[in-house]
Amino acid sequence: MTILVAYVPRPEGQAALDKGIEIAKRRQERLVVVNTSPGGRQEDPSMADVQDVERVEVLLAGCGLDAEFKQFVRGKSAVSEIEALVDSLQVSVLVIGLRKRTPVGKLILGSVAQEILLTVSCPVLAVKAN
Protein backbone atom coordinates (compact mmCIF):
# COMPACT_ATOMS: atom_id res chain seq x y z
CA MET A 1 0.00 0.00 0.00
CA THR A 2 0.99 3.63 -0.48
CA ILE A 3 0.59 6.84 1.49
CA LEU A 4 -0.04 9.72 -0.93
CA VAL A 5 0.67 13.31 0.12
CA ALA A 6 -0.67 16.26 -1.86
CA TYR A 7 2.11 18.81 -1.36
CA VAL A 8 2.04 22.59 -1.79
CA PRO A 9 4.96 24.86 -0.79
CA ARG A 10 3.12 26.45 2.13
CA PRO A 11 2.88 25.61 5.85
CA GLU A 12 -0.17 23.40 5.27
CA GLY A 13 1.78 21.47 2.63
CA GLN A 14 4.64 20.94 5.07
CA ALA A 15 2.15 19.76 7.71
CA ALA A 16 0.74 17.23 5.23
CA LEU A 17 4.25 16.06 4.33
CA ASP A 18 5.26 15.65 7.98
CA LYS A 19 2.09 13.68 8.75
CA GLY A 20 2.55 11.53 5.64
CA ILE A 21 6.10 10.63 6.68
CA GLU A 22 4.89 9.82 10.21
CA ILE A 23 2.12 7.53 8.95
CA ALA A 24 4.33 5.81 6.36
CA LYS A 25 6.96 5.06 9.03
CA ARG A 26 4.37 3.73 11.46
CA ARG A 27 2.68 1.53 8.83
CA GLN A 28 5.90 0.73 6.94
CA GLU A 29 4.28 1.76 3.67
CA ARG A 30 5.59 3.43 0.55
CA LEU A 31 5.29 7.23 0.44
CA VAL A 32 4.53 9.22 -2.70
CA VAL A 33 4.51 13.01 -2.51
CA VAL A 34 2.89 14.86 -5.41
CA ASN A 35 2.99 18.53 -6.38
CA THR A 36 0.92 19.51 -9.38
CA SER A 37 -0.24 22.48 -11.41
CA PRO A 38 -2.13 22.80 -14.66
CA GLY A 39 0.55 25.21 -15.86
CA GLY A 40 -0.14 28.05 -18.21
CA ARG A 41 0.82 31.70 -18.38
CA GLN A 42 0.03 32.62 -14.79
CA GLU A 43 2.45 31.82 -12.00
CA ASP A 44 0.92 29.20 -9.70
CA PRO A 45 1.77 29.61 -5.99
CA SER A 46 0.96 25.94 -5.38
CA MET A 47 3.84 24.87 -7.63
CA ALA A 48 7.06 24.03 -5.79
CA ASP A 49 10.17 25.75 -7.13
CA VAL A 50 13.53 24.05 -7.68
CA GLN A 51 14.84 24.80 -4.18
CA ASP A 52 11.69 23.48 -2.52
CA VAL A 53 11.72 20.32 -4.65
CA GLU A 54 15.36 19.70 -3.68
CA ARG A 55 14.55 20.28 0.01
CA VAL A 56 11.67 17.78 -0.10
CA GLU A 57 13.75 15.20 -1.99
CA VAL A 58 16.57 15.47 0.59
CA LEU A 59 14.01 15.06 3.38
CA LEU A 60 12.54 11.98 1.70
CA ALA A 61 15.97 10.48 1.04
CA GLY A 62 16.87 10.82 4.72
CA CYS A 63 13.63 9.51 6.22
CA GLY A 64 14.43 5.81 5.74
CA LEU A 65 11.35 5.07 3.64
CA ASP A 66 10.60 3.91 0.13
CA ALA A 67 9.64 7.44 -0.88
CA GLU A 68 9.25 9.35 -4.12
CA PHE A 69 8.48 12.94 -5.13
CA LYS A 70 6.46 13.59 -8.30
CA GLN A 71 5.77 16.95 -9.90
CA PHE A 72 3.33 17.36 -12.77
CA VAL A 73 2.59 20.29 -15.07
CA ARG A 74 0.51 18.62 -17.78
CA GLY A 75 -2.51 20.86 -18.20
CA LYS A 76 -4.66 18.80 -15.83
CA SER A 77 -6.15 20.08 -12.61
CA ALA A 78 -4.55 19.12 -9.30
CA VAL A 79 -7.64 17.07 -8.46
CA SER A 80 -7.43 15.11 -11.74
CA GLU A 81 -3.74 14.33 -11.18
CA ILE A 82 -4.36 13.23 -7.57
CA GLU A 83 -7.38 11.16 -8.58
CA ALA A 84 -5.31 9.40 -11.27
CA LEU A 85 -2.58 8.58 -8.75
CA VAL A 86 -5.13 7.27 -6.24
CA ASP A 87 -6.55 5.03 -8.98
CA SER A 88 -3.16 3.79 -10.25
CA LEU A 89 -1.40 3.26 -6.90
CA GLN A 90 -2.78 1.22 -4.04
CA VAL A 91 -3.34 4.27 -1.83
CA SER A 92 -4.31 3.51 1.75
CA VAL A 93 -4.68 7.19 2.69
CA LEU A 94 -4.32 10.57 1.00
CA VAL A 95 -2.94 13.35 3.22
CA ILE A 96 -3.82 16.96 2.38
CA GLY A 97 -3.15 20.23 4.19
CA LEU A 98 -5.85 22.76 4.98
CA ARG A 99 -5.44 26.47 5.64
CA LYS A 100 -6.88 28.04 8.75
CA ARG A 101 -10.23 29.63 8.02
CA THR A 102 -12.36 32.41 9.45
CA PRO A 103 -15.71 31.36 10.98
CA VAL A 104 -17.44 32.12 7.68
CA GLY A 105 -14.67 30.43 5.71
CA LYS A 106 -15.15 27.26 7.75
CA LEU A 107 -18.50 26.80 6.07
CA ILE A 108 -16.70 26.35 2.76
CA LEU A 109 -13.48 24.41 2.30
CA GLY A 110 -11.06 25.45 -0.40
CA SER A 111 -12.31 24.34 -3.79
CA VAL A 112 -9.45 21.87 -4.35
CA ALA A 113 -9.79 20.34 -0.88
CA GLN A 114 -13.54 20.07 -1.25
CA GLU A 115 -13.30 18.45 -4.67
CA ILE A 116 -10.69 15.97 -3.41
CA LEU A 117 -12.91 14.97 -0.49
CA LEU A 118 -15.87 14.46 -2.82
CA THR A 119 -14.10 12.55 -5.61
CA VAL A 120 -11.22 10.35 -4.45
CA SER A 121 -11.91 6.72 -3.65
CA CYS A 122 -9.62 6.39 -0.63
CA PRO A 123 -9.66 7.77 2.90
CA VAL A 124 -8.47 11.38 3.17
CA LEU A 125 -6.67 12.84 6.17
CA ALA A 126 -6.81 16.65 6.30
CA VAL A 127 -4.22 18.32 8.55
CA LYS A 128 -3.64 21.95 9.53
CA ALA A 129 -0.35 23.74 9.97
CA ASN A 130 0.65 24.84 13.48
C-alpha atoms as a PDB file:
ATOM      1  CA  MET A   1       0.000   0.000   0.000  1.00  0.00           C
ATOM      2  CA  THR A   2       0.993   3.634  -0.478  1.00  0.00           C
ATOM      3  CA  ILE A   3       0.586   6.838   1.486  1.00  0.00           C
ATOM      4  CA  LEU A   4      -0.042   9.719  -0.929  1.00  0.00           C
ATOM      5  CA  VAL A   5       0.670  13.312   0.120  1.00  0.00           C
ATOM      6  CA  ALA A   6      -0.668  16.263  -1.865  1.00  0.00           C
ATOM      7  CA  TYR A   7       2.107  18.809  -1.356  1.00  0.00           C
ATOM      8  CA  VAL A   8       2.041  22.586  -1.790  1.00  0.00           C
ATOM      9  CA  PRO A   9       4.958  24.862  -0.789  1.00  0.00           C
ATOM     10  CA  ARG A  10       3.121  26.453   2.131  1.00  0.00           C
ATOM     11  CA  PRO A  11       2.877  25.613   5.851  1.00  0.00           C
ATOM     12  CA  GLU A  12      -0.172  23.401   5.269  1.00  0.00           C
ATOM     13  CA  GLY A  13       1.776  21.468   2.632  1.00  0.00           C
ATOM     14  CA  GLN A  14       4.639  20.935   5.068  1.00  0.00           C
ATOM     15  CA  ALA A  15       2.151  19.762   7.709  1.00  0.00           C
ATOM     16  CA  ALA A  16       0.736  17.231   5.233  1.00  0.00           C
ATOM     17  CA  LEU A  17       4.249  16.061   4.329  1.00  0.00           C
ATOM     18  CA  ASP A  18       5.257  15.654   7.985  1.00  0.00           C
ATOM     19  CA  LYS A  19       2.091  13.676   8.747  1.00  0.00           C
ATOM     20  CA  GLY A  20       2.547  11.525   5.644  1.00  0.00           C
ATOM     21  CA  ILE A  21       6.102  10.633   6.684  1.00  0.00           C
ATOM     22  CA  GLU A  22       4.895   9.820  10.209  1.00  0.00           C
ATOM     23  CA  ILE A  23       2.116   7.528   8.947  1.00  0.00           C
ATOM     24  CA  ALA A  24       4.331   5.813   6.359  1.00  0.00           C
ATOM     25  CA  LYS A  25       6.965   5.055   9.025  1.00  0.00           C
ATOM     26  CA  ARG A  26       4.367   3.729  11.461  1.00  0.00           C
ATOM     27  CA  ARG A  27       2.676   1.533   8.825  1.00  0.00           C
ATOM     28  CA  GLN A  28       5.904   0.733   6.940  1.00  0.00           C
ATOM     29  CA  GLU A  29       4.279   1.764   3.670  1.00  0.00           C
ATOM     30  CA  ARG A  30       5.586   3.430   0.555  1.00  0.00           C
ATOM     31  CA  LEU A  31       5.291   7.231   0.439  1.00  0.00           C
ATOM     32  CA  VAL A  32       4.529   9.221  -2.701  1.00  0.00           C
ATOM     33  CA  VAL A  33       4.508  13.014  -2.510  1.00  0.00           C
ATOM     34  CA  VAL A  34       2.890  14.863  -5.413  1.00  0.00           C
ATOM     35  CA  ASN A  35       2.989  18.533  -6.383  1.00  0.00           C
ATOM     36  CA  THR A  36       0.920  19.515  -9.382  1.00  0.00           C
ATOM     37  CA  SER A  37      -0.242  22.480 -11.407  1.00  0.00           C
ATOM     38  CA  PRO A  38      -2.125  22.800 -14.663  1.00  0.00           C
ATOM     39  CA  GLY A  39       0.554  25.212 -15.861  1.00  0.00           C
ATOM     40  CA  GLY A  40      -0.139  28.053 -18.208  1.00  0.00           C
ATOM     41  CA  ARG A  41       0.816  31.700 -18.378  1.00  0.00           C
ATOM     42  CA  GLN A  42       0.035  32.625 -14.795  1.00  0.00           C
ATOM     43  CA  GLU A  43       2.450  31.821 -11.997  1.00  0.00           C
ATOM     44  CA  ASP A  44       0.924  29.201  -9.701  1.00  0.00           C
ATOM     45  CA  PRO A  45       1.774  29.610  -5.987  1.00  0.00           C
ATOM     46  CA  SER A  46       0.963  25.940  -5.377  1.00  0.00           C
ATOM     47  CA  MET A  47       3.838  24.868  -7.632  1.00  0.00           C
ATOM     48  CA  ALA A  48       7.061  24.031  -5.788  1.00  0.00           C
ATOM     49  CA  ASP A  49      10.171  25.752  -7.126  1.00  0.00           C
ATOM     50  CA  VAL A  50      13.530  24.053  -7.679  1.00  0.00           C
ATOM     51  CA  GLN A  51      14.842  24.795  -4.182  1.00  0.00           C
ATOM     52  CA  ASP A  52      11.688  23.482  -2.518  1.00  0.00           C
ATOM     53  CA  VAL A  53      11.724  20.316  -4.651  1.00  0.00           C
ATOM     54  CA  GLU A  54      15.356  19.703  -3.681  1.00  0.00           C
ATOM     55  CA  ARG A  55      14.553  20.278   0.011  1.00  0.00           C
ATOM     56  CA  VAL A  56      11.670  17.775  -0.097  1.00  0.00           C
ATOM     57  CA  GLU A  57      13.746  15.202  -1.993  1.00  0.00           C
ATOM     58  CA  VAL A  58      16.567  15.472   0.590  1.00  0.00           C
ATOM     59  CA  LEU A  59      14.010  15.064   3.380  1.00  0.00           C
ATOM     60  CA  LEU A  60      12.539  11.984   1.703  1.00  0.00           C
ATOM     61  CA  ALA A  61      15.973  10.480   1.039  1.00  0.00           C
ATOM     62  CA  GLY A  62      16.867  10.815   4.718  1.00  0.00           C
ATOM     63  CA  CYS A  63      13.633   9.511   6.216  1.00  0.00           C
ATOM     64  CA  GLY A  64      14.426   5.814   5.743  1.00  0.00           C
ATOM     65  CA  LEU A  65      11.348   5.067   3.636  1.00  0.00           C
ATOM     66  CA  ASP A  66      10.598   3.908   0.134  1.00  0.00           C
ATOM     67  CA  ALA A  67       9.636   7.445  -0.875  1.00  0.00           C
ATOM     68  CA  GLU A  68       9.247   9.346  -4.122  1.00  0.00           C
ATOM     69  CA  PHE A  69       8.484  12.945  -5.130  1.00  0.00           C
ATOM     70  CA  LYS A  70       6.464  13.585  -8.301  1.00  0.00           C
ATOM     71  CA  GLN A  71       5.774  16.949  -9.896  1.00  0.00           C
ATOM     72  CA  PHE A  72       3.330  17.364 -12.771  1.00  0.00           C
ATOM     73  CA  VAL A  73       2.589  20.291 -15.073  1.00  0.00           C
ATOM     74  CA  ARG A  74       0.514  18.625 -17.777  1.00  0.00           C
ATOM     75  CA  GLY A  75      -2.506  20.865 -18.204  1.00  0.00           C
ATOM     76  CA  LYS A  76      -4.665  18.802 -15.832  1.00  0.00           C
ATOM     77  CA  SER A  77      -6.154  20.083 -12.610  1.00  0.00           C
ATOM     78  CA  ALA A  78      -4.551  19.120  -9.300  1.00  0.00           C
ATOM     79  CA  VAL A  79      -7.637  17.073  -8.457  1.00  0.00           C
ATOM     80  CA  SER A  80      -7.432  15.106 -11.737  1.00  0.00           C
ATOM     81  CA  GLU A  81      -3.741  14.334 -11.176  1.00  0.00           C
ATOM     82  CA  ILE A  82      -4.363  13.232  -7.574  1.00  0.00           C
ATOM     83  CA  GLU A  83      -7.379  11.159  -8.584  1.00  0.00           C
ATOM     84  CA  ALA A  84      -5.314   9.399 -11.273  1.00  0.00           C
ATOM     85  CA  LEU A  85      -2.585   8.579  -8.746  1.00  0.00           C
ATOM     86  CA  VAL A  86      -5.131   7.265  -6.238  1.00  0.00           C
ATOM     87  CA  ASP A  87      -6.545   5.030  -8.979  1.00  0.00           C
ATOM     88  CA  SER A  88      -3.156   3.791 -10.246  1.00  0.00           C
ATOM     89  CA  LEU A  89      -1.402   3.257  -6.898  1.00  0.00           C
ATOM     90  CA  GLN A  90      -2.777   1.215  -4.039  1.00  0.00           C
ATOM     91  CA  VAL A  91      -3.336   4.272  -1.826  1.00  0.00           C
ATOM     92  CA  SER A  92      -4.313   3.513   1.749  1.00  0.00           C
ATOM     93  CA  VAL A  93      -4.676   7.194   2.691  1.00  0.00           C
ATOM     94  CA  LEU A  94      -4.322  10.572   1.004  1.00  0.00           C
ATOM     95  CA  VAL A  95      -2.944  13.355   3.218  1.00  0.00           C
ATOM     96  CA  ILE A  96      -3.822  16.957   2.379  1.00  0.00           C
ATOM     97  CA  GLY A  97      -3.154  20.228   4.190  1.00  0.00           C
ATOM     98  CA  LEU A  98      -5.847  22.763   4.980  1.00  0.00           C
ATOM     99  CA  ARG A  99      -5.442  26.469   5.641  1.00  0.00           C
ATOM    100  CA  LYS A 100      -6.884  28.042   8.749  1.00  0.00           C
ATOM    101  CA  ARG A 101     -10.234  29.627   8.016  1.00  0.00           C
ATOM    102  CA  THR A 102     -12.359  32.408   9.454  1.00  0.00           C
ATOM    103  CA  PRO A 103     -15.715  31.357  10.982  1.00  0.00           C
ATOM    104  CA  VAL A 104     -17.444  32.122   7.679  1.00  0.00           C
ATOM    105  CA  GLY A 105     -14.667  30.426   5.711  1.00  0.00           C
ATOM    106  CA  LYS A 106     -15.147  27.262   7.755  1.00  0.00           C
ATOM    107  CA  LEU A 107     -18.496  26.797   6.066  1.00  0.00           C
ATOM    108  CA  ILE A 108     -16.701  26.346   2.760  1.00  0.00           C
ATOM    109  CA  LEU A 109     -13.479  24.413   2.301  1.00  0.00           C
ATOM    110  CA  GLY A 110     -11.060  25.453  -0.402  1.00  0.00           C
ATOM    111  CA  SER A 111     -12.312  24.342  -3.790  1.00  0.00           C
ATOM    112  CA  VAL A 112      -9.455  21.875  -4.353  1.00  0.00           C
ATOM    113  CA  ALA A 113      -9.786  20.344  -0.876  1.00  0.00           C
ATOM    114  CA  GLN A 114     -13.544  20.067  -1.246  1.00  0.00           C
ATOM    115  CA  GLU A 115     -13.303  18.454  -4.665  1.00  0.00           C
ATOM    116  CA  ILE A 116     -10.695  15.969  -3.412  1.00  0.00           C
ATOM    117  CA  LEU A 117     -12.912  14.974  -0.489  1.00  0.00           C
ATOM    118  CA  LEU A 118     -15.867  14.458  -2.824  1.00  0.00           C
ATOM    119  CA  THR A 119     -14.103  12.548  -5.608  1.00  0.00           C
ATOM    120  CA  VAL A 120     -11.221  10.348  -4.455  1.00  0.00           C
ATOM    121  CA  SER A 121     -11.915   6.716  -3.653  1.00  0.00           C
ATOM    122  CA  CYS A 122      -9.618   6.393  -0.631  1.00  0.00           C
ATOM    123  CA  PRO A 123      -9.663   7.770   2.902  1.00  0.00           C
ATOM    124  CA  VAL A 124      -8.467  11.382   3.167  1.00  0.00           C
ATOM    125  CA  LEU A 125      -6.674  12.840   6.166  1.00  0.00           C
ATOM    126  CA  ALA A 126      -6.806  16.650   6.300  1.00  0.00           C
ATOM    127  CA  VAL A 127      -4.220  18.323   8.548  1.00  0.00           C
ATOM    128  CA  LYS A 128      -3.640  21.952   9.528  1.00  0.00           C
ATOM    129  CA  ALA A 129      -0.352  23.738   9.974  1.00  0.00           C
ATOM    130  CA  ASN A 130       0.648  24.844  13.479  1.00  0.00           C
END
